[in-house]
Amino acid sequence: MTWGGVTQIVLPVLILLGAVASEGGGTLTRRFKSGVLISLVASVGAYLGLQINHLEGRVRPPLSDWVGTAGGPSFPSGHTTVASIFAASCAWVLATRVHVGWPRIALWSGAVLYALGIGLSRIWLGVHWPTDVIGGWLYALTWLSASAAVVLTIRKRRPDPASRKT
């Protein structure tokens, strides 16, 4: 489960997933740009989460409680933050390719379970306090909500290509 929250793993996967499943199809270049864009949004969110982590500087649980390895400050949990942003970004990209109804519910449920699993594993491994993980989930939710609001606002303002006269 630890690998599911590592930026060097999840961000390249997000670029590929975004390129393959991006909304509207289009050329390979356009699809790759969509993958890079979603990965960029996720990267900035993860980076800012790490900056908050370093500014906060909270001490981790005692080393004698650890089952796994960890480094750096504790709050918010970086693995939880990255996994949550990754899972929601994947679900957002894939939702454009999945039918409305139970398939989308299953997709978003899977994203939530992924984020929950990574977060809870950090507590089980003894490398984070429960509040570190809750902080990671809340930060990711805040980042994703703000990002979605920006994307949806930009989409609303963009003229519809079908309405252009040729």
C-alpha atoms as a PDB file:
ATOM      1  CA  MET A   1       0.000   0.000   0.000  1.00  0.00           C
ATOM      2  CA  THR A   2       2.892   2.368   0.656  1.00  0.00           C
ATOM      3  CA  TRP A   3       3.778   2.600  -3.041  1.00  0.00           C
ATOM      4  CA  GLY A   4       0.268   3.841  -3.817  1.00  0.00           C
ATOM      5  CA  GLY A   5       1.092   7.227  -2.298  1.00  0.00           C
ATOM      6  CA  VAL A   6       4.548   7.807  -3.806  1.00  0.00           C
ATOM      7  CA  THR A   7       4.638  10.751  -6.227  1.00  0.00           C
ATOM      8  CA  GLN A   8       7.344   9.214  -8.456  1.00  0.00           C
ATOM      9  CA  ILE A   9       4.958   6.342  -9.167  1.00  0.00           C
ATOM     10  CA  VAL A  10       1.476   7.856  -9.254  1.00  0.00           C
ATOM     11  CA  LEU A  11       2.185  11.037 -11.243  1.00  0.00           C
ATOM     12  CA  PRO A  12       3.632   9.272 -14.333  1.00  0.00           C
ATOM     13  CA  VAL A  13       0.677   6.861 -14.201  1.00  0.00           C
ATOM     14  CA  LEU A  14      -1.634   9.878 -14.128  1.00  0.00           C
ATOM     15  CA  ILE A  15       0.016  11.371 -17.237  1.00  0.00           C
ATOM     16  CA  LEU A  16      -0.534   8.102 -19.132  1.00  0.00           C
ATOM     17  CA  LEU A  17      -4.076   7.674 -17.869  1.00  0.00           C
ATOM     18  CA  GLY A  18      -4.940  11.269 -18.710  1.00  0.00           C
ATOM     19  CA  ALA A  19      -3.535  10.846 -22.218  1.00  0.00           C
ATOM     20  CA  VAL A  20      -5.420   7.609 -22.848  1.00  0.00           C
ATOM     21  CA  ALA A  21      -8.772   8.539 -21.314  1.00  0.00           C
ATOM     22  CA  SER A  22      -8.901  12.301 -21.801  1.00  0.00           C
ATOM     23  CA  GLU A  23     -12.227  13.877 -22.628  1.00  0.00           C
ATOM     24  CA  GLY A  24     -13.003  14.576 -26.247  1.00  0.00           C
ATOM     25  CA  GLY A  25     -10.432  12.282 -27.830  1.00  0.00           C
ATOM     26  CA  GLY A  26      -8.449  14.216 -30.404  1.00  0.00           C
ATOM     27  CA  THR A  27      -4.900  13.898 -31.586  1.00  0.00           C
ATOM     28  CA  LEU A  28      -2.243  12.107 -29.599  1.00  0.00           C
ATOM     29  CA  THR A  29      -0.630  15.478 -28.844  1.00  0.00           C
ATOM     30  CA  ARG A  30      -3.891  16.891 -27.479  1.00  0.00           C
ATOM     31  CA  ARG A  31      -4.511  13.796 -25.381  1.00  0.00           C
ATOM     32  CA  PHE A  32      -0.952  13.893 -24.039  1.00  0.00           C
ATOM     33  CA  LYS A  33      -1.452  17.563 -23.122  1.00  0.00           C
ATOM     34  CA  SER A  34      -4.601  16.603 -21.204  1.00  0.00           C
ATOM     35  CA  GLY A  35      -2.611  13.966 -19.327  1.00  0.00           C
ATOM     36  CA  VAL A  36       0.134  16.454 -18.538  1.00  0.00           C
ATOM     37  CA  LEU A  37      -2.440  19.028 -17.381  1.00  0.00           C
ATOM     38  CA  ILE A  38      -4.164  16.673 -14.943  1.00  0.00           C
ATOM     39  CA  SER A  39      -0.758  15.510 -13.712  1.00  0.00           C
ATOM     40  CA  LEU A  40       0.354  19.134 -13.299  1.00  0.00           C
ATOM     41  CA  VAL A  41      -2.707  19.949 -11.190  1.00  0.00           C
ATOM     42  CA  ALA A  42      -2.013  16.855  -9.058  1.00  0.00           C
ATOM     43  CA  SER A  43       1.713  17.716  -8.826  1.00  0.00           C
ATOM     44  CA  VAL A  44       1.074  21.271  -7.664  1.00  0.00           C
ATOM     45  CA  GLY A  45      -1.394  19.978  -5.079  1.00  0.00           C
ATOM     46  CA  ALA A  46       1.107  17.398  -3.820  1.00  0.00           C
ATOM     47  CA  TYR A  47       3.921  19.984  -3.763  1.00  0.00           C
ATOM     48  CA  LEU A  48       1.868  22.468  -1.759  1.00  0.00           C
ATOM     49  CA  GLY A  49       0.888  19.693   0.644  1.00  0.00           C
ATOM     50  CA  LEU A  50       4.565  18.916   1.207  1.00  0.00           C
ATOM     51  CA  GLN A  51       5.269  22.594   1.822  1.00  0.00           C
ATOM     52  CA  ILE A  52       2.554  22.647   4.479  1.00  0.00           C
ATOM     53  CA  ASN A  53       4.103  19.499   5.934  1.00  0.00           C
ATOM     54  CA  HIS A  54       7.536  21.126   6.212  1.00  0.00           C
ATOM     55  CA  LEU A  55       6.150  24.379   7.608  1.00  0.00           C
ATOM     56  CA  GLU A  56       4.135  22.520  10.243  1.00  0.00           C
ATOM     57  CA  GLY A  57       7.092  20.290  11.208  1.00  0.00           C
ATOM     58  CA  ARG A  58       5.040  17.953  13.395  1.00  0.00           C
ATOM     59  CA  VAL A  59       6.966  15.064  14.954  1.00  0.00           C
ATOM     60  CA  ARG A  60       6.004  11.514  13.965  1.00  0.00           C
ATOM     61  CA  PRO A  61       4.919   8.804  16.407  1.00  0.00           C
ATOM     62  CA  PRO A  62       7.750   7.122  18.351  1.00  0.00           C
ATOM     63  CA  LEU A  63      10.130   5.103  16.157  1.00  0.00           C
ATOM     64  CA  SER A  64       9.520   2.041  18.364  1.00  0.00           C
ATOM     65  CA  ASP A  65       5.906   1.991  17.055  1.00  0.00           C
ATOM     66  CA  TRP A  66       6.913   1.883  13.367  1.00  0.00           C
ATOM     67  CA  VAL A  67       6.344  -1.209  11.257  1.00  0.00           C
ATOM     68  CA  GLY A  68       7.391   0.632   8.072  1.00  0.00           C
ATOM     69  CA  THR A  69       9.771   3.394   7.141  1.00  0.00           C
ATOM     70  CA  ALA A  70       9.124   7.109   6.829  1.00  0.00           C
ATOM     71  CA  GLY A  71      10.955  10.380   6.777  1.00  0.00           C
ATOM     72  CA  GLY A  72      10.334  14.040   7.308  1.00  0.00           C
ATOM     73  CA  PRO A  73       7.615  15.740   9.306  1.00  0.00           C
ATOM     74  CA  SER A  74       4.289  14.104   9.992  1.00  0.00           C
ATOM     75  CA  PHE A  75       1.384  16.522   9.310  1.00  0.00           C
ATOM     76  CA  PRO A  76      -0.344  16.239   6.894  1.00  0.00           C
ATOM     77  CA  SER A  77       0.487  12.750   5.684  1.00  0.00           C
ATOM     78  CA  GLY A  78       2.185  13.074   2.297  1.00  0.00           C
ATOM     79  CA  HIS A  79       1.270   9.533   1.211  1.00  0.00           C
ATOM     80  CA  THR A  80      -2.369  10.141   2.114  1.00  0.00           C
ATOM     81  CA  THR A  81      -2.415  13.491   0.332  1.00  0.00           C
ATOM     82  CA  VAL A  82      -0.798  12.163  -2.848  1.00  0.00           C
ATOM     83  CA  ALA A  83      -2.924   8.989  -2.913  1.00  0.00           C
ATOM     84  CA  SER A  84      -6.134  10.964  -2.421  1.00  0.00           C
ATOM     85  CA  ILE A  85      -5.285  13.489  -5.140  1.00  0.00           C
ATOM     86  CA  PHE A  86      -4.214  10.655  -7.452  1.00  0.00           C
ATOM     87  CA  ALA A  87      -7.329   8.557  -6.860  1.00  0.00           C
ATOM     88  CA  ALA A  88      -9.721  11.458  -7.365  1.00  0.00           C
ATOM     89  CA  SER A  89      -7.842  12.679 -10.455  1.00  0.00           C
ATOM     90  CA  CYS A  90      -8.016   9.199 -11.994  1.00  0.00           C
ATOM     91  CA  ALA A  91     -11.716   8.956 -11.222  1.00  0.00           C
ATOM     92  CA  TRP A  92     -12.318  12.404 -12.706  1.00  0.00           C
ATOM     93  CA  VAL A  93     -10.508  11.480 -15.932  1.00  0.00           C
ATOM     94  CA  LEU A  94     -12.159   8.063 -16.214  1.00  0.00           C
ATOM     95  CA  ALA A  95     -15.637   9.382 -15.374  1.00  0.00           C
ATOM     96  CA  THR A  96     -15.798  10.925 -18.869  1.00  0.00           C
ATOM     97  CA  ARG A  97     -15.501   7.398 -20.299  1.00  0.00           C
ATOM     98  CA  VAL A  98     -17.885   5.624 -17.915  1.00  0.00           C
ATOM     99  CA  HIS A  99     -21.673   5.517 -18.115  1.00  0.00           C
ATOM    100  CA  VAL A 100     -23.729   7.512 -15.636  1.00  0.00           C
ATOM    101  CA  GLY A 101     -25.228   5.480 -12.794  1.00  0.00           C
ATOM    102  CA  TRP A 102     -23.717   2.497 -11.036  1.00  0.00           C
ATOM    103  CA  PRO A 103     -20.505   2.439 -13.160  1.00  0.00           C
ATOM    104  CA  ARG A 104     -19.626   5.983 -12.037  1.00  0.00           C
ATOM    105  CA  ILE A 105     -20.646   5.218  -8.476  1.00  0.00           C
ATOM    106  CA  ALA A 106     -18.335   2.174  -8.562  1.00  0.00           C
ATOM    107  CA  LEU A 107     -15.528   4.272 -10.047  1.00  0.00           C
ATOM    108  CA  TRP A 108     -15.771   6.980  -7.387  1.00  0.00           C
ATOM    109  CA  SER A 109     -16.229   4.362  -4.643  1.00  0.00           C
ATOM    110  CA  GLY A 110     -13.009   2.704  -5.793  1.00  0.00           C
ATOM    111  CA  ALA A 111     -11.199   6.052  -5.616  1.00  0.00           C
ATOM    112  CA  VAL A 112     -12.469   6.620  -2.081  1.00  0.00           C
ATOM    113  CA  LEU A 113     -11.453   3.105  -1.006  1.00  0.00           C
ATOM    114  CA  TYR A 114      -7.978   3.609  -2.501  1.00  0.00           C
ATOM    115  CA  ALA A 115      -7.496   6.876  -0.590  1.00  0.00           C
ATOM    116  CA  LEU A 116      -8.880   5.332   2.607  1.00  0.00           C
ATOM    117  CA  GLY A 117      -6.638   2.279   2.258  1.00  0.00           C
ATOM    118  CA  ILE A 118      -3.451   4.287   1.805  1.00  0.00           C
ATOM    119  CA  GLY A 119      -4.312   6.619   4.680  1.00  0.00           C
ATOM    120  CA  LEU A 120      -5.248   3.850   7.076  1.00  0.00           C
ATOM    121  CA  SER A 121      -2.105   1.910   6.146  1.00  0.00           C
ATOM    122  CA  ARG A 122       0.006   4.877   7.311  1.00  0.00           C
ATOM    123  CA  ILE A 123      -1.628   4.687  10.736  1.00  0.00           C
ATOM    124  CA  TRP A 124      -1.341   0.879  10.844  1.00  0.00           C
ATOM    125  CA  LEU A 125       2.373   1.128   9.982  1.00  0.00           C
ATOM    126  CA  GLY A 126       2.741   3.451  12.968  1.00  0.00           C
ATOM    127  CA  VAL A 127       4.387   6.244  10.953  1.00  0.00           C
ATOM    128  CA  HIS A 128       1.509   8.741  11.279  1.00  0.00           C
ATOM    129  CA  TRP A 129      -0.917   9.930  13.890  1.00  0.00           C
ATOM    130  CA  PRO A 130      -4.592   9.592  12.869  1.00  0.00           C
ATOM    131  CA  THR A 131      -4.853  13.390  12.667  1.00  0.00           C
ATOM    132  CA  ASP A 132      -2.005  13.424  10.096  1.00  0.00           C
ATOM    133  CA  VAL A 133      -4.040  11.173   7.828  1.00  0.00           C
ATOM    134  CA  ILE A 134      -7.266  13.116   8.379  1.00  0.00           C
ATOM    135  CA  GLY A 135      -5.309  16.286   7.572  1.00  0.00           C
ATOM    136  CA  GLY A 136      -4.060  14.689   4.333  1.00  0.00           C
ATOM    137  CA  TRP A 137      -7.589  13.740   3.293  1.00  0.00           C
ATOM    138  CA  LEU A 138      -8.967  17.196   4.124  1.00  0.00           C
ATOM    139  CA  TYR A 139      -6.145  18.989   2.321  1.00  0.00           C
ATOM    140  CA  ALA A 140      -6.595  16.787  -0.785  1.00  0.00           C
ATOM    141  CA  LEU A 141     -10.354  17.362  -0.740  1.00  0.00           C
ATOM    142  CA  THR A 142      -9.816  21.126  -0.476  1.00  0.00           C
ATOM    143  CA  TRP A 143      -7.234  21.147  -3.288  1.00  0.00           C
ATOM    144  CA  LEU A 144      -9.379  19.022  -5.566  1.00  0.00           C
ATOM    145  CA  SER A 145     -12.504  21.086  -4.896  1.00  0.00           C
ATOM    146  CA  ALA A 146     -10.670  24.318  -5.709  1.00  0.00           C
ATOM    147  CA  SER A 147      -9.106  22.772  -8.826  1.00  0.00           C
ATOM    148  CA  ALA A 148     -12.466  21.457 -10.042  1.00  0.00           C
ATOM    149  CA  ALA A 149     -14.049  24.870  -9.483  1.00  0.00           C
ATOM    150  CA  VAL A 150     -11.329  26.542 -11.562  1.00  0.00           C
ATOM    151  CA  VAL A 151     -11.590  23.974 -14.380  1.00  0.00           C
ATOM    152  CA  LEU A 152     -15.379  24.178 -14.490  1.00  0.00           C
ATOM    153  CA  THR A 153     -15.282  27.991 -14.492  1.00  0.00           C
ATOM    154  CA  ILE A 154     -12.808  28.001 -17.381  1.00  0.00           C
ATOM    155  CA  ARG A 155     -14.946  25.507 -19.311  1.00  0.00           C
ATOM    156  CA  LYS A 156     -18.056  27.673 -18.824  1.00  0.00           C
ATOM    157  CA  ARG A 157     -16.288  30.742 -20.160  1.00  0.00           C
ATOM    158  CA  ARG A 158     -14.795  28.974 -23.181  1.00  0.00           C
ATOM    159  CA  PRO A 159     -16.923  29.369 -26.308  1.00  0.00           C
ATOM    160  CA  ASP A 160     -18.517  26.208 -27.662  1.00  0.00           C
ATOM    161  CA  PRO A 161     -16.568  25.100 -30.782  1.00  0.00           C
ATOM    162  CA  ALA A 162     -19.777  23.710 -32.335  1.00  0.00           C
ATOM    163  CA  SER A 163     -21.356  27.173 -32.306  1.00  0.00           C
ATOM    164  CA  ARG A 164     -18.552  28.782 -34.360  1.00  0.00           C
ATOM    165  CA  LYS A 165     -19.331  29.739 -37.931  1.00  0.00           C
ATOM    166  CA  THR A 166     -16.993  28.499 -40.629  1.00  0.00           C
END
